[in-house]
Amino acid sequence: MPKNIAQQIILTNPIPNNEEDFFRRADTLFRATRVIMDIIEKSKSEKTNHYSQRTQKINN
């Protein structure tokens, strides 16, 4: 249990007290997500290109 009003405010509304840290972590998470999405898209693209090349060889 909080011993004073300041501790209660921190517990009930942590973002304003740690706003910079919150947004720094959110930005890091967003960037990591974008990197993962780019890797997945690149992998999909490479697989598609591979299958396209195989299909062209079969059709020719």
PDB file of N, CA and C in Angstrom:
ATOM      1  N   MET A   1       0.837  -1.192   0.000  1.00  0.00           N
ATOM      2  CA  MET A   1       0.000   0.000   0.000  1.00  0.00           C
ATOM      3  C   MET A   1       0.879   1.252   0.000  1.00  0.00           C
ATOM      4  N   PRO A   2       0.442   2.283  -0.732  1.00  0.00           N
ATOM      5  CA  PRO A   2       1.196   3.542  -0.748  1.00  0.00           C
ATOM      6  C   PRO A   2       1.169   4.220   0.621  1.00  0.00           C
ATOM      7  N   LYS A   3       2.294   4.815   0.971  1.00  0.00           N
ATOM      8  CA  LYS A   3       2.389   5.492   2.262  1.00  0.00           C
ATOM      9  C   LYS A   3       1.982   6.952   2.175  1.00  0.00           C
ATOM     10  N   ASN A   4       2.008   7.536   0.969  1.00  0.00           N
ATOM     11  CA  ASN A   4       1.613   8.935   0.838  1.00  0.00           C
ATOM     12  C   ASN A   4       0.955   9.169  -0.517  1.00  0.00           C
ATOM     13  N   ILE A   5       0.458  10.370  -0.728  1.00  0.00           N
ATOM     14  CA  ILE A   5      -0.280  10.698  -1.950  1.00  0.00           C
ATOM     15  C   ILE A   5       0.606  10.602  -3.194  1.00  0.00           C
ATOM     16  N   ALA A   6       1.874  10.951  -3.088  1.00  0.00           N
ATOM     17  CA  ALA A   6       2.778  10.885  -4.240  1.00  0.00           C
ATOM     18  C   ALA A   6       2.917   9.447  -4.727  1.00  0.00           C
ATOM     19  N   GLN A   7       3.052   8.507  -3.801  1.00  0.00           N
ATOM     20  CA  GLN A   7       3.145   7.104  -4.188  1.00  0.00           C
ATOM     21  C   GLN A   7       1.847   6.632  -4.833  1.00  0.00           C
ATOM     22  N   GLN A   8       0.713   7.110  -4.323  1.00  0.00           N
ATOM     23  CA  GLN A   8      -0.581   6.729  -4.891  1.00  0.00           C
ATOM     24  C   GLN A   8      -0.703   7.238  -6.331  1.00  0.00           C
ATOM     25  N   ILE A   9      -0.272   8.466  -6.580  1.00  0.00           N
ATOM     26  CA  ILE A   9      -0.328   9.037  -7.930  1.00  0.00           C
ATOM     27  C   ILE A   9       0.555   8.226  -8.872  1.00  0.00           C
ATOM     28  N   ILE A  10       1.745   7.874  -8.424  1.00  0.00           N
ATOM     29  CA  ILE A  10       2.661   7.085  -9.248  1.00  0.00           C
ATOM     30  C   ILE A  10       2.046   5.734  -9.587  1.00  0.00           C
ATOM     31  N   LEU A  11       1.396   5.107  -8.624  1.00  0.00           N
ATOM     32  CA  LEU A  11       0.790   3.797  -8.855  1.00  0.00           C
ATOM     33  C   LEU A  11      -0.412   3.866  -9.786  1.00  0.00           C
ATOM     34  N   THR A  12      -1.219   4.916  -9.655  1.00  0.00           N
ATOM     35  CA  THR A  12      -2.442   4.981 -10.448  1.00  0.00           C
ATOM     36  C   THR A  12      -2.222   5.562 -11.838  1.00  0.00           C
ATOM     37  N   ASN A  13      -1.202   6.381 -12.016  1.00  0.00           N
ATOM     38  CA  ASN A  13      -0.981   7.015 -13.308  1.00  0.00           C
ATOM     39  C   ASN A  13       0.521   7.084 -13.591  1.00  0.00           C
ATOM     40  N   PRO A  14       1.141   5.953 -13.960  1.00  0.00           N
ATOM     41  CA  PRO A  14       2.601   5.928 -14.077  1.00  0.00           C
ATOM     42  C   PRO A  14       3.170   6.641 -15.300  1.00  0.00           C
ATOM     43  N   ILE A  15       2.390   6.796 -16.372  1.00  0.00           N
ATOM     44  CA  ILE A  15       2.945   7.354 -17.609  1.00  0.00           C
ATOM     45  C   ILE A  15       3.427   8.799 -17.462  1.00  0.00           C
ATOM     46  N   PRO A  16       2.643   9.737 -16.903  1.00  0.00           N
ATOM     47  CA  PRO A  16       3.148  11.110 -16.811  1.00  0.00           C
ATOM     48  C   PRO A  16       4.439  11.229 -16.007  1.00  0.00           C
ATOM     49  N   ASN A  17       4.619  10.371 -15.012  1.00  0.00           N
ATOM     50  CA  ASN A  17       5.827  10.439 -14.197  1.00  0.00           C
ATOM     51  C   ASN A  17       7.034   9.836 -14.909  1.00  0.00           C
ATOM     52  N   ASN A  18       6.781   8.960 -15.846  1.00  0.00           N
ATOM     53  CA  ASN A  18       7.859   8.309 -16.590  1.00  0.00           C
ATOM     54  C   ASN A  18       7.633   8.463 -18.089  1.00  0.00           C
ATOM     55  N   GLU A  19       7.129   9.601 -18.500  1.00  0.00           N
ATOM     56  CA  GLU A  19       6.720   9.797 -19.893  1.00  0.00           C
ATOM     57  C   GLU A  19       7.875   9.578 -20.872  1.00  0.00           C
ATOM     58  N   GLU A  20       9.029  10.133 -20.572  1.00  0.00           N
ATOM     59  CA  GLU A  20      10.170   9.998 -21.482  1.00  0.00           C
ATOM     60  C   GLU A  20      10.577   8.533 -21.625  1.00  0.00           C
ATOM     61  N   ASP A  21      10.659   7.835 -20.511  1.00  0.00           N
ATOM     62  CA  ASP A  21      11.018   6.416 -20.539  1.00  0.00           C
ATOM     63  C   ASP A  21       9.960   5.601 -21.283  1.00  0.00           C
ATOM     64  N   PHE A  22       8.692   5.905 -21.045  1.00  0.00           N
ATOM     65  CA  PHE A  22       7.596   5.191 -21.706  1.00  0.00           C
ATOM     66  C   PHE A  22       7.707   5.326 -23.226  1.00  0.00           C
ATOM     67  N   PHE A  23       7.888   6.549 -23.712  1.00  0.00           N
ATOM     68  CA  PHE A  23       7.951   6.760 -25.157  1.00  0.00           C
ATOM     69  C   PHE A  23       9.241   6.220 -25.763  1.00  0.00           C
ATOM     70  N   ARG A  24      10.328   6.235 -25.010  1.00  0.00           N
ATOM     71  CA  ARG A  24      11.580   5.646 -25.491  1.00  0.00           C
ATOM     72  C   ARG A  24      11.398   4.146 -25.684  1.00  0.00           C
ATOM     73  N   ARG A  25      10.770   3.495 -24.717  1.00  0.00           N
ATOM     74  CA  ARG A  25      10.534   2.048 -24.826  1.00  0.00           C
ATOM     75  C   ARG A  25       9.547   1.737 -25.950  1.00  0.00           C
ATOM     76  N   ALA A  26       8.517   2.555 -26.070  1.00  0.00           N
ATOM     77  CA  ALA A  26       7.530   2.345 -27.135  1.00  0.00           C
ATOM     78  C   ALA A  26       8.192   2.500 -28.502  1.00  0.00           C
ATOM     79  N   ASP A  27       9.064   3.490 -28.645  1.00  0.00           N
ATOM     80  CA  ASP A  27       9.769   3.706 -29.910  1.00  0.00           C
ATOM     81  C   ASP A  27      10.685   2.522 -30.231  1.00  0.00           C
ATOM     82  N   THR A  28      11.380   2.024 -29.219  1.00  0.00           N
ATOM     83  CA  THR A  28      12.254   0.867 -29.413  1.00  0.00           C
ATOM     84  C   THR A  28      11.447  -0.347 -29.846  1.00  0.00           C
ATOM     85  N   LEU A  29      10.308  -0.558 -29.199  1.00  0.00           N
ATOM     86  CA  LEU A  29       9.447  -1.684 -29.561  1.00  0.00           C
ATOM     87  C   LEU A  29       8.924  -1.533 -30.987  1.00  0.00           C
ATOM     88  N   PHE A  30       8.531  -0.321 -31.355  1.00  0.00           N
ATOM     89  CA  PHE A  30       8.040  -0.065 -32.711  1.00  0.00           C
ATOM     90  C   PHE A  30       9.126  -0.352 -33.745  1.00  0.00           C
ATOM     91  N   ARG A  31      10.341   0.120 -33.475  1.00  0.00           N
ATOM     92  CA  ARG A  31      11.448  -0.110 -34.415  1.00  0.00           C
ATOM     93  C   ARG A  31      11.750  -1.606 -34.552  1.00  0.00           C
ATOM     94  N   ALA A  32      11.745  -2.314 -33.432  1.00  0.00           N
ATOM     95  CA  ALA A  32      11.998  -3.758 -33.476  1.00  0.00           C
ATOM     96  C   ALA A  32      10.917  -4.465 -34.288  1.00  0.00           C
ATOM     97  N   THR A  33       9.682  -4.035 -34.121  1.00  0.00           N
ATOM     98  CA  THR A  33       8.578  -4.624 -34.874  1.00  0.00           C
ATOM     99  C   THR A  33       8.759  -4.382 -36.364  1.00  0.00           C
ATOM    100  N   ARG A  34       9.179  -3.182 -36.739  1.00  0.00           N
ATOM    101  CA  ARG A  34       9.399  -2.875 -38.159  1.00  0.00           C
ATOM    102  C   ARG A  34      10.516  -3.748 -38.740  1.00  0.00           C
ATOM    103  N   VAL A  35      11.580  -3.956 -37.977  1.00  0.00           N
ATOM    104  CA  VAL A  35      12.683  -4.797 -38.451  1.00  0.00           C
ATOM    105  C   VAL A  35      12.185  -6.218 -38.689  1.00  0.00           C
ATOM    106  N   ILE A  36      11.413  -6.742 -37.747  1.00  0.00           N
ATOM    107  CA  ILE A  36      10.873  -8.097 -37.891  1.00  0.00           C
ATOM    108  C   ILE A  36       9.953  -8.175 -39.101  1.00  0.00           C
ATOM    109  N   MET A  37       9.102  -7.175 -39.277  1.00  0.00           N
ATOM    110  CA  MET A  37       8.194  -7.168 -40.431  1.00  0.00           C
ATOM    111  C   MET A  37       8.980  -7.117 -41.743  1.00  0.00           C
ATOM    112  N   ASP A  38      10.044  -6.325 -41.779  1.00  0.00           N
ATOM    113  CA  ASP A  38      10.876  -6.244 -42.988  1.00  0.00           C
ATOM    114  C   ASP A  38      11.531  -7.592 -43.295  1.00  0.00           C
ATOM    115  N   ILE A  39      11.995  -8.286 -42.249  1.00  0.00           N
ATOM    116  CA  ILE A  39      12.612  -9.601 -42.446  1.00  0.00           C
ATOM    117  C   ILE A  39      11.589 -10.589 -43.001  1.00  0.00           C
ATOM    118  N   ILE A  40      10.386 -10.564 -42.448  1.00  0.00           N
ATOM    119  CA  ILE A  40       9.328 -11.464 -42.919  1.00  0.00           C
ATOM    120  C   ILE A  40       8.978 -11.163 -44.366  1.00  0.00           C
ATOM    121  N   GLU A  41       8.825  -9.880 -44.698  1.00  0.00           N
ATOM    122  CA  GLU A  41       8.487  -9.511 -46.075  1.00  0.00           C
ATOM    123  C   GLU A  41       9.598  -9.903 -47.044  1.00  0.00           C
ATOM    124  N   LYS A  42      10.847  -9.724 -46.637  1.00  0.00           N
ATOM    125  CA  LYS A  42      11.971 -10.099 -47.493  1.00  0.00           C
ATOM    126  C   LYS A  42      11.963 -11.610 -47.722  1.00  0.00           C
ATOM    127  N   SER A  43      11.700 -12.360 -46.665  1.00  0.00           N
ATOM    128  CA  SER A  43      11.645 -13.814 -46.774  1.00  0.00           C
ATOM    129  C   SER A  43      10.526 -14.248 -47.722  1.00  0.00           C
ATOM    130  N   LYS A  44       9.366 -13.613 -47.598  1.00  0.00           N
ATOM    131  CA  LYS A  44       8.244 -13.930 -48.490  1.00  0.00           C
ATOM    132  C   LYS A  44       8.605 -13.607 -49.933  1.00  0.00           C
ATOM    133  N   SER A  45       9.247 -12.476 -50.136  1.00  0.00           N
ATOM    134  CA  SER A  45       9.632 -12.042 -51.479  1.00  0.00           C
ATOM    135  C   SER A  45      10.626 -13.022 -52.098  1.00  0.00           C
ATOM    136  N   GLU A  46      11.599 -13.456 -51.316  1.00  0.00           N
ATOM    137  CA  GLU A  46      12.595 -14.402 -51.819  1.00  0.00           C
ATOM    138  C   GLU A  46      11.940 -15.731 -52.186  1.00  0.00           C
ATOM    139  N   LYS A  47      11.001 -16.187 -51.370  1.00  0.00           N
ATOM    140  CA  LYS A  47      10.300 -17.438 -51.673  1.00  0.00           C
ATOM    141  C   LYS A  47       9.479 -17.287 -52.944  1.00  0.00           C
ATOM    142  N   THR A  48       8.806 -16.162 -53.087  1.00  0.00           N
ATOM    143  CA  THR A  48       8.002 -15.914 -54.285  1.00  0.00           C
ATOM    144  C   THR A  48       8.891 -15.896 -55.520  1.00  0.00           C
ATOM    145  N   ASN A  49      10.024 -15.225 -55.438  1.00  0.00           N
ATOM    146  CA  ASN A  49      10.957 -15.184 -56.569  1.00  0.00           C
ATOM    147  C   ASN A  49      11.467 -16.583 -56.906  1.00  0.00           C
ATOM    148  N   HIS A  50      11.757 -17.367 -55.891  1.00  0.00           N
ATOM    149  CA  HIS A  50      12.249 -18.725 -56.100  1.00  0.00           C
ATOM    150  C   HIS A  50      11.203 -19.563 -56.836  1.00  0.00           C
ATOM    151  N   TYR A  51       9.948 -19.482 -56.376  1.00  0.00           N
ATOM    152  CA  TYR A  51       8.884 -20.253 -57.020  1.00  0.00           C
ATOM    153  C   TYR A  51       8.596 -19.737 -58.430  1.00  0.00           C
ATOM    154  N   SER A  52       8.713 -18.438 -58.632  1.00  0.00           N
ATOM    155  CA  SER A  52       8.504 -17.866 -59.968  1.00  0.00           C
ATOM    156  C   SER A  52       9.561 -18.383 -60.936  1.00  0.00           C
ATOM    157  N   GLN A  53      10.795 -18.444 -60.497  1.00  0.00           N
ATOM    158  CA  GLN A  53      11.881 -18.940 -61.345  1.00  0.00           C
ATOM    159  C   GLN A  53      11.671 -20.416 -61.683  1.00  0.00           C
ATOM    160  N   ARG A  54      11.231 -21.196 -60.704  1.00  0.00           N
ATOM    161  CA  ARG A  54      10.985 -22.624 -60.956  1.00  0.00           C
ATOM    162  C   ARG A  54       9.831 -22.798 -61.942  1.00  0.00           C
ATOM    163  N   THR A  55       8.790 -21.985 -61.791  1.00  0.00           N
ATOM    164  CA  THR A  55       7.639 -22.069 -62.692  1.00  0.00           C
ATOM    165  C   THR A  55       8.050 -21.709 -64.117  1.00  0.00           C
ATOM    166  N   GLN A  56       8.896 -20.693 -64.267  1.00  0.00           N
ATOM    167  CA  GLN A  56       9.362 -20.295 -65.598  1.00  0.00           C
ATOM    168  C   GLN A  56      10.160 -21.419 -66.250  1.00  0.00           C
ATOM    169  N   LYS A  57      10.990 -22.112 -65.473  1.00  0.00           N
ATOM    170  CA  LYS A  57      11.782 -23.217 -66.015  1.00  0.00           C
ATOM    171  C   LYS A  57      10.867 -24.347 -66.476  1.00  0.00           C
ATOM    172  N   ILE A  58       9.832 -24.627 -65.705  1.00  0.00           N
ATOM    173  CA  ILE A  58       8.894 -25.703 -66.054  1.00  0.00           C
ATOM    174  C   ILE A  58       8.114 -25.340 -67.313  1.00  0.00           C
ATOM    175  N   ASN A  59       7.686 -24.092 -67.417  1.00  0.00           N
ATOM    176  CA  ASN A  59       6.875 -23.656 -68.556  1.00  0.00           C
ATOM    177  C   ASN A  59       7.682 -23.535 -69.846  1.00  0.00           C
ATOM    178  N   ASN A  60       8.982 -23.333 -69.726  1.00  0.00           N
ATOM    179  CA  ASN A  60       9.816 -23.158 -70.928  1.00  0.00           C
ATOM    180  C   ASN A  60      10.340 -24.444 -71.373  1.00  0.00           C
TER     181      ASN A  60
END
